[in-house]
Amino acid sequence: MALGKMVSNRFTNEKGNDIYIRANEEPIHGVPGILLYIAGPDSDTEMHVTRQEGLELLMLLSKLLKQGRRTR
């Protein structure tokens, strides 16, 4: 079985924590999917989404981040 594409990054967030993120192409029961992983100093999270869910998440995050930080 051929491995899908993988992208990753390590960075320091706004709180000064070292964060590692990774996304792998990985099918979900034969449906194109993406395995998302994020790890910080106190926790790690893994989430499997379909390709369409990934595209929708990308659009939502893009819209939210383009709006910039709002004051409350």
PDB file of N, CA and C in Angstrom:
ATOM      1  N   MET A   1       0.848  -1.188   0.000  1.00  0.00           N
ATOM      2  CA  MET A   1       0.000   0.000   0.000  1.00  0.00           C
ATOM      3  C   MET A   1       0.884   1.238   0.000  1.00  0.00           C
ATOM      4  N   ALA A   2       0.669   2.126  -0.962  1.00  0.00           N
ATOM      5  CA  ALA A   2       1.453   3.351  -1.066  1.00  0.00           C
ATOM      6  C   ALA A   2       0.997   4.359  -0.010  1.00  0.00           C
ATOM      7  N   LEU A   3       1.957   5.050   0.545  1.00  0.00           N
ATOM      8  CA  LEU A   3       1.637   6.072   1.529  1.00  0.00           C
ATOM      9  C   LEU A   3       1.173   7.336   0.825  1.00  0.00           C
ATOM     10  N   GLY A   4       0.177   8.024   1.415  1.00  0.00           N
ATOM     11  CA  GLY A   4      -0.313   9.284   0.873  1.00  0.00           C
ATOM     12  C   GLY A   4       0.619  10.422   1.246  1.00  0.00           C
ATOM     13  N   LYS A   5       0.302  11.589   0.746  1.00  0.00           N
ATOM     14  CA  LYS A   5       1.096  12.780   1.048  1.00  0.00           C
ATOM     15  C   LYS A   5       1.011  13.107   2.531  1.00  0.00           C
ATOM     16  N   MET A   6       2.088  13.699   3.039  1.00  0.00           N
ATOM     17  CA  MET A   6       2.114  14.144   4.424  1.00  0.00           C
ATOM     18  C   MET A   6       2.751  15.530   4.466  1.00  0.00           C
ATOM     19  N   VAL A   7       2.172  16.420   5.257  1.00  0.00           N
ATOM     20  CA  VAL A   7       2.766  17.729   5.505  1.00  0.00           C
ATOM     21  C   VAL A   7       2.788  17.938   7.013  1.00  0.00           C
ATOM     22  N   SER A   8       3.815  18.635   7.490  1.00  0.00           N
ATOM     23  CA  SER A   8       3.917  18.871   8.932  1.00  0.00           C
ATOM     24  C   SER A   8       4.639  20.190   9.187  1.00  0.00           C
ATOM     25  N   ASN A   9       4.505  20.654  10.415  1.00  0.00           N
ATOM     26  CA  ASN A   9       5.156  21.895  10.816  1.00  0.00           C
ATOM     27  C   ASN A   9       5.334  21.896  12.330  1.00  0.00           C
ATOM     28  N   ARG A  10       6.369  22.547  12.764  1.00  0.00           N
ATOM     29  CA  ARG A  10       6.611  22.755  14.194  1.00  0.00           C
ATOM     30  C   ARG A  10       6.773  24.258  14.381  1.00  0.00           C
ATOM     31  N   PHE A  11       6.102  24.804  15.406  1.00  0.00           N
ATOM     32  CA  PHE A  11       6.152  26.253  15.618  1.00  0.00           C
ATOM     33  C   PHE A  11       5.917  26.555  17.095  1.00  0.00           C
ATOM     34  N   THR A  12       6.109  27.813  17.452  1.00  0.00           N
ATOM     35  CA  THR A  12       5.823  28.287  18.798  1.00  0.00           C
ATOM     36  C   THR A  12       4.557  29.129  18.724  1.00  0.00           C
ATOM     37  N   ASN A  13       3.561  28.782  19.547  1.00  0.00           N
ATOM     38  CA  ASN A  13       2.285  29.511  19.492  1.00  0.00           C
ATOM     39  C   ASN A  13       2.339  30.802  20.316  1.00  0.00           C
ATOM     40  N   GLU A  14       1.190  31.491  20.384  1.00  0.00           N
ATOM     41  CA  GLU A  14       1.103  32.773  21.083  1.00  0.00           C
ATOM     42  C   GLU A  14       1.409  32.664  22.568  1.00  0.00           C
ATOM     43  N   LYS A  15       1.259  31.466  23.136  1.00  0.00           N
ATOM     44  CA  LYS A  15       1.549  31.259  24.568  1.00  0.00           C
ATOM     45  C   LYS A  15       2.996  30.859  24.814  1.00  0.00           C
ATOM     46  N   GLY A  16       3.790  30.741  23.748  1.00  0.00           N
ATOM     47  CA  GLY A  16       5.188  30.345  23.883  1.00  0.00           C
ATOM     48  C   GLY A  16       5.388  28.836  23.929  1.00  0.00           C
ATOM     49  N   ASN A  17       4.341  28.065  23.593  1.00  0.00           N
ATOM     50  CA  ASN A  17       4.434  26.598  23.612  1.00  0.00           C
ATOM     51  C   ASN A  17       4.909  26.062  22.273  1.00  0.00           C
ATOM     52  N   ASP A  18       5.732  25.006  22.322  1.00  0.00           N
ATOM     53  CA  ASP A  18       6.180  24.314  21.127  1.00  0.00           C
ATOM     54  C   ASP A  18       5.031  23.424  20.644  1.00  0.00           C
ATOM     55  N   ILE A  19       4.596  23.603  19.409  1.00  0.00           N
ATOM     56  CA  ILE A  19       3.460  22.874  18.851  1.00  0.00           C
ATOM     57  C   ILE A  19       3.913  22.141  17.592  1.00  0.00           C
ATOM     58  N   TYR A  20       3.434  20.911  17.420  1.00  0.00           N
ATOM     59  CA  TYR A  20       3.703  20.119  16.223  1.00  0.00           C
ATOM     60  C   TYR A  20       2.368  19.788  15.578  1.00  0.00           C
ATOM     61  N   ILE A  21       2.247  20.039  14.266  1.00  0.00           N
ATOM     62  CA  ILE A  21       1.027  19.689  13.533  1.00  0.00           C
ATOM     63  C   ILE A  21       1.400  18.860  12.309  1.00  0.00           C
ATOM     64  N   ARG A  22       0.472  17.947  11.941  1.00  0.00           N
ATOM     65  CA  ARG A  22       0.723  17.069  10.799  1.00  0.00           C
ATOM     66  C   ARG A  22      -0.609  16.713  10.147  1.00  0.00           C
ATOM     67  N   ALA A  23      -0.601  16.583   8.830  1.00  0.00           N
ATOM     68  CA  ALA A  23      -1.766  16.114   8.085  1.00  0.00           C
ATOM     69  C   ALA A  23      -1.294  15.060   7.090  1.00  0.00           C
ATOM     70  N   ASN A  24      -1.931  13.896   7.123  1.00  0.00           N
ATOM     71  CA  ASN A  24      -1.605  12.789   6.220  1.00  0.00           C
ATOM     72  C   ASN A  24      -2.825  12.443   5.390  1.00  0.00           C
ATOM     73  N   GLU A  25      -2.619  12.204   4.085  1.00  0.00           N
ATOM     74  CA  GLU A  25      -3.700  11.637   3.286  1.00  0.00           C
ATOM     75  C   GLU A  25      -3.876  10.190   3.718  1.00  0.00           C
ATOM     76  N   GLU A  26      -5.069   9.831   4.123  1.00  0.00           N
ATOM     77  CA  GLU A  26      -5.322   8.470   4.579  1.00  0.00           C
ATOM     78  C   GLU A  26      -6.806   8.155   4.384  1.00  0.00           C
ATOM     79  N   PRO A  27      -7.133   7.142   3.590  1.00  0.00           N
ATOM     80  CA  PRO A  27      -8.549   6.817   3.350  1.00  0.00           C
ATOM     81  C   PRO A  27      -9.279   6.404   4.618  1.00  0.00           C
ATOM     82  N   ILE A  28     -10.583   6.688   4.629  1.00  0.00           N
ATOM     83  CA  ILE A  28     -11.467   6.272   5.713  1.00  0.00           C
ATOM     84  C   ILE A  28     -12.464   5.300   5.095  1.00  0.00           C
ATOM     85  N   HIS A  29     -12.306   4.021   5.372  1.00  0.00           N
ATOM     86  CA  HIS A  29     -13.187   2.989   4.817  1.00  0.00           C
ATOM     87  C   HIS A  29     -13.339   3.145   3.304  1.00  0.00           C
ATOM     88  N   GLY A  30     -12.223   3.373   2.611  1.00  0.00           N
ATOM     89  CA  GLY A  30     -12.216   3.493   1.169  1.00  0.00           C
ATOM     90  C   GLY A  30     -12.539   4.872   0.623  1.00  0.00           C
ATOM     91  N   VAL A  31     -12.875   5.823   1.500  1.00  0.00           N
ATOM     92  CA  VAL A  31     -13.198   7.193   1.088  1.00  0.00           C
ATOM     93  C   VAL A  31     -11.964   8.064   1.328  1.00  0.00           C
ATOM     94  N   PRO A  32     -11.585   8.926   0.360  1.00  0.00           N
ATOM     95  CA  PRO A  32     -10.425   9.791   0.570  1.00  0.00           C
ATOM     96  C   PRO A  32     -10.559  10.595   1.867  1.00  0.00           C
ATOM     97  N   GLY A  33      -9.518  10.568   2.664  1.00  0.00           N
ATOM     98  CA  GLY A  33      -9.571  11.254   3.944  1.00  0.00           C
ATOM     99  C   GLY A  33      -8.231  11.839   4.345  1.00  0.00           C
ATOM    100  N   ILE A  34      -8.250  12.529   5.470  1.00  0.00           N
ATOM    101  CA  ILE A  34      -7.068  13.196   6.017  1.00  0.00           C
ATOM    102  C   ILE A  34      -7.014  12.919   7.508  1.00  0.00           C
ATOM    103  N   LEU A  35      -5.849  12.489   7.970  1.00  0.00           N
ATOM    104  CA  LEU A  35      -5.612  12.288   9.393  1.00  0.00           C
ATOM    105  C   LEU A  35      -4.881  13.522   9.907  1.00  0.00           C
ATOM    106  N   LEU A  36      -5.536  14.280  10.794  1.00  0.00           N
ATOM    107  CA  LEU A  36      -4.966  15.503  11.372  1.00  0.00           C
ATOM    108  C   LEU A  36      -4.409  15.190  12.748  1.00  0.00           C
ATOM    109  N   TYR A  37      -3.256  15.754  13.067  1.00  0.00           N
ATOM    110  CA  TYR A  37      -2.624  15.525  14.368  1.00  0.00           C
ATOM    111  C   TYR A  37      -2.029  16.837  14.850  1.00  0.00           C
ATOM    112  N   ILE A  38      -2.271  17.169  16.122  1.00  0.00           N
ATOM    113  CA  ILE A  38      -1.664  18.349  16.739  1.00  0.00           C
ATOM    114  C   ILE A  38      -1.210  17.966  18.136  1.00  0.00           C
ATOM    115  N   ALA A  39       0.018  18.348  18.468  1.00  0.00           N
ATOM    116  CA  ALA A  39       0.576  18.011  19.777  1.00  0.00           C
ATOM    117  C   ALA A  39       1.217  19.242  20.396  1.00  0.00           C
ATOM    118  N   GLY A  40       0.958  19.419  21.674  1.00  0.00           N
ATOM    119  CA  GLY A  40       1.546  20.514  22.433  1.00  0.00           C
ATOM    120  C   GLY A  40       2.211  19.976  23.676  1.00  0.00           C
ATOM    121  N   PRO A  41       2.546  20.848  24.588  1.00  0.00           N
ATOM    122  CA  PRO A  41       3.269  20.405  25.779  1.00  0.00           C
ATOM    123  C   PRO A  41       2.431  19.552  26.730  1.00  0.00           C
ATOM    124  N   ASP A  42       1.111  19.732  26.721  1.00  0.00           N
ATOM    125  CA  ASP A  42       0.267  19.024  27.692  1.00  0.00           C
ATOM    126  C   ASP A  42      -0.747  18.069  27.083  1.00  0.00           C
ATOM    127  N   SER A  43      -0.865  18.046  25.748  1.00  0.00           N
ATOM    128  CA  SER A  43      -1.876  17.183  25.145  1.00  0.00           C
ATOM    129  C   SER A  43      -1.563  16.928  23.685  1.00  0.00           C
ATOM    130  N   ASP A  44      -2.236  15.931  23.134  1.00  0.00           N
ATOM    131  CA  ASP A  44      -2.187  15.704  21.697  1.00  0.00           C
ATOM    132  C   ASP A  44      -3.574  15.266  21.235  1.00  0.00           C
ATOM    133  N   THR A  45      -3.893  15.617  19.998  1.00  0.00           N
ATOM    134  CA  THR A  45      -5.211  15.349  19.443  1.00  0.00           C
ATOM    135  C   THR A  45      -5.058  14.797  18.041  1.00  0.00           C
ATOM    136  N   GLU A  46      -5.883  13.804  17.726  1.00  0.00           N
ATOM    137  CA  GLU A  46      -5.884  13.218  16.398  1.00  0.00           C
ATOM    138  C   GLU A  46      -7.328  13.203  15.907  1.00  0.00           C
ATOM    139  N   MET A  47      -7.534  13.567  14.624  1.00  0.00           N
ATOM    140  CA  MET A  47      -8.878  13.593  14.070  1.00  0.00           C
ATOM    141  C   MET A  47      -8.807  13.133  12.627  1.00  0.00           C
ATOM    142  N   HIS A  48      -9.683  12.234  12.265  1.00  0.00           N
ATOM    143  CA  HIS A  48      -9.771  11.721  10.904  1.00  0.00           C
ATOM    144  C   HIS A  48     -10.992  12.359  10.245  1.00  0.00           C
ATOM    145  N   VAL A  49     -10.806  13.037   9.115  1.00  0.00           N
ATOM    146  CA  VAL A  49     -11.911  13.675   8.407  1.00  0.00           C
ATOM    147  C   VAL A  49     -11.886  13.229   6.951  1.00  0.00           C
ATOM    148  N   THR A  50     -13.049  13.265   6.301  1.00  0.00           N
ATOM    149  CA  THR A  50     -13.068  12.986   4.871  1.00  0.00           C
ATOM    150  C   THR A  50     -12.451  14.170   4.145  1.00  0.00           C
ATOM    151  N   ARG A  51     -12.131  13.964   2.880  1.00  0.00           N
ATOM    152  CA  ARG A  51     -11.545  15.053   2.087  1.00  0.00           C
ATOM    153  C   ARG A  51     -12.501  16.250   2.029  1.00  0.00           C
ATOM    154  N   GLN A  52     -13.797  15.991   1.819  1.00  0.00           N
ATOM    155  CA  GLN A  52     -14.776  17.081   1.757  1.00  0.00           C
ATOM    156  C   GLN A  52     -14.851  17.817   3.097  1.00  0.00           C
ATOM    157  N   GLU A  53     -14.835  17.089   4.196  1.00  0.00           N
ATOM    158  CA  GLU A  53     -14.845  17.739   5.515  1.00  0.00           C
ATOM    159  C   GLU A  53     -13.605  18.609   5.682  1.00  0.00           C
ATOM    160  N   GLY A  54     -12.457  18.132   5.197  1.00  0.00           N
ATOM    161  CA  GLY A  54     -11.226  18.907   5.260  1.00  0.00           C
ATOM    162  C   GLY A  54     -11.318  20.197   4.471  1.00  0.00           C
ATOM    163  N   LEU A  55     -11.921  20.122   3.278  1.00  0.00           N
ATOM    164  CA  LEU A  55     -12.093  21.325   2.464  1.00  0.00           C
ATOM    165  C   LEU A  55     -13.026  22.324   3.141  1.00  0.00           C
ATOM    166  N   GLU A  56     -14.095  21.838   3.746  1.00  0.00           N
ATOM    167  CA  GLU A  56     -15.036  22.719   4.454  1.00  0.00           C
ATOM    168  C   GLU A  56     -14.359  23.372   5.658  1.00  0.00           C
ATOM    169  N   LEU A  57     -13.568  22.605   6.390  1.00  0.00           N
ATOM    170  CA  LEU A  57     -12.827  23.136   7.542  1.00  0.00           C
ATOM    171  C   LEU A  57     -11.836  24.207   7.084  1.00  0.00           C
ATOM    172  N   LEU A  58     -11.151  23.950   5.979  1.00  0.00           N
ATOM    173  CA  LEU A  58     -10.210  24.926   5.420  1.00  0.00           C
ATOM    174  C   LEU A  58     -10.916  26.236   5.072  1.00  0.00           C
ATOM    175  N   MET A  59     -12.092  26.145   4.426  1.00  0.00           N
ATOM    176  CA  MET A  59     -12.842  27.355   4.069  1.00  0.00           C
ATOM    177  C   MET A  59     -13.298  28.119   5.310  1.00  0.00           C
ATOM    178  N   LEU A  60     -13.788  27.408   6.323  1.00  0.00           N
ATOM    179  CA  LEU A  60     -14.235  28.076   7.553  1.00  0.00           C
ATOM    180  C   LEU A  60     -13.092  28.776   8.261  1.00  0.00           C
ATOM    181  N   LEU A  61     -11.964  28.091   8.405  1.00  0.00           N
ATOM    182  CA  LEU A  61     -10.806  28.701   9.068  1.00  0.00           C
ATOM    183  C   LEU A  61     -10.298  29.906   8.277  1.00  0.00           C
ATOM    184  N   SER A  62     -10.298  29.785   6.955  1.00  0.00           N
ATOM    185  CA  SER A  62      -9.849  30.896   6.116  1.00  0.00           C
ATOM    186  C   SER A  62     -10.735  32.119   6.324  1.00  0.00           C
ATOM    187  N   LYS A  63     -12.048  31.920   6.330  1.00  0.00           N
ATOM    188  CA  LYS A  63     -12.977  33.035   6.557  1.00  0.00           C
ATOM    189  C   LYS A  63     -12.767  33.658   7.934  1.00  0.00           C
ATOM    190  N   LEU A  64     -12.653  32.824   8.940  1.00  0.00           N
ATOM    191  CA  LEU A  64     -12.493  33.301  10.309  1.00  0.00           C
ATOM    192  C   LEU A  64     -11.194  34.086  10.468  1.00  0.00           C
ATOM    193  N   LEU A  65     -10.102  33.562   9.954  1.00  0.00           N
ATOM    194  CA  LEU A  65      -8.808  34.212  10.127  1.00  0.00           C
ATOM    195  C   LEU A  65      -8.675  35.472   9.277  1.00  0.00           C
ATOM    196  N   LYS A  66      -9.360  35.546   8.141  1.00  0.00           N
ATOM    197  CA  LYS A  66      -9.343  36.763   7.310  1.00  0.00           C
ATOM    198  C   LYS A  66     -10.061  37.907   8.004  1.00  0.00           C
ATOM    199  N   GLN A  67     -11.039  37.582   8.859  1.00  0.00           N
ATOM    200  CA  GLN A  67     -11.773  38.623   9.570  1.00  0.00           C
ATOM    201  C   GLN A  67     -10.880  39.319  10.586  1.00  0.00           C
ATOM    202  N   GLY A  68      -9.814  38.673  10.987  1.00  0.00           N
ATOM    203  CA  GLY A  68      -8.913  39.240  11.966  1.00  0.00           C
ATOM    204  C   GLY A  68      -9.464  39.162  13.371  1.00  0.00           C
ATOM    205  N   ARG A  69      -8.683  39.619  14.292  1.00  0.00           N
ATOM    206  CA  ARG A  69      -9.064  39.572  15.696  1.00  0.00           C
ATOM    207  C   ARG A  69     -10.011  40.712  16.014  1.00  0.00           C
ATOM    208  N   ARG A  70     -11.146  40.396  16.567  1.00  0.00           N
ATOM    209  CA  ARG A  70     -12.130  41.420  16.923  1.00  0.00           C
ATOM    210  C   ARG A  70     -12.069  41.701  18.426  1.00  0.00           C
ATOM    211  N   THR A  71     -12.361  42.925  18.786  1.00  0.00           N
ATOM    212  CA  THR A  71     -12.426  43.264  20.212  1.00  0.00           C
ATOM    213  C   THR A  71     -13.814  42.877  20.723  1.00  0.00           C
ATOM    214  N   ARG A  72     -13.901  42.533  21.978  1.00  0.00           N
ATOM    215  CA  ARG A  72     -15.169  42.123  22.572  1.00  0.00           C
ATOM    216  C   ARG A  72     -15.839  43.265  23.264  1.00  0.00           C
TER     217      ARG A  72
END
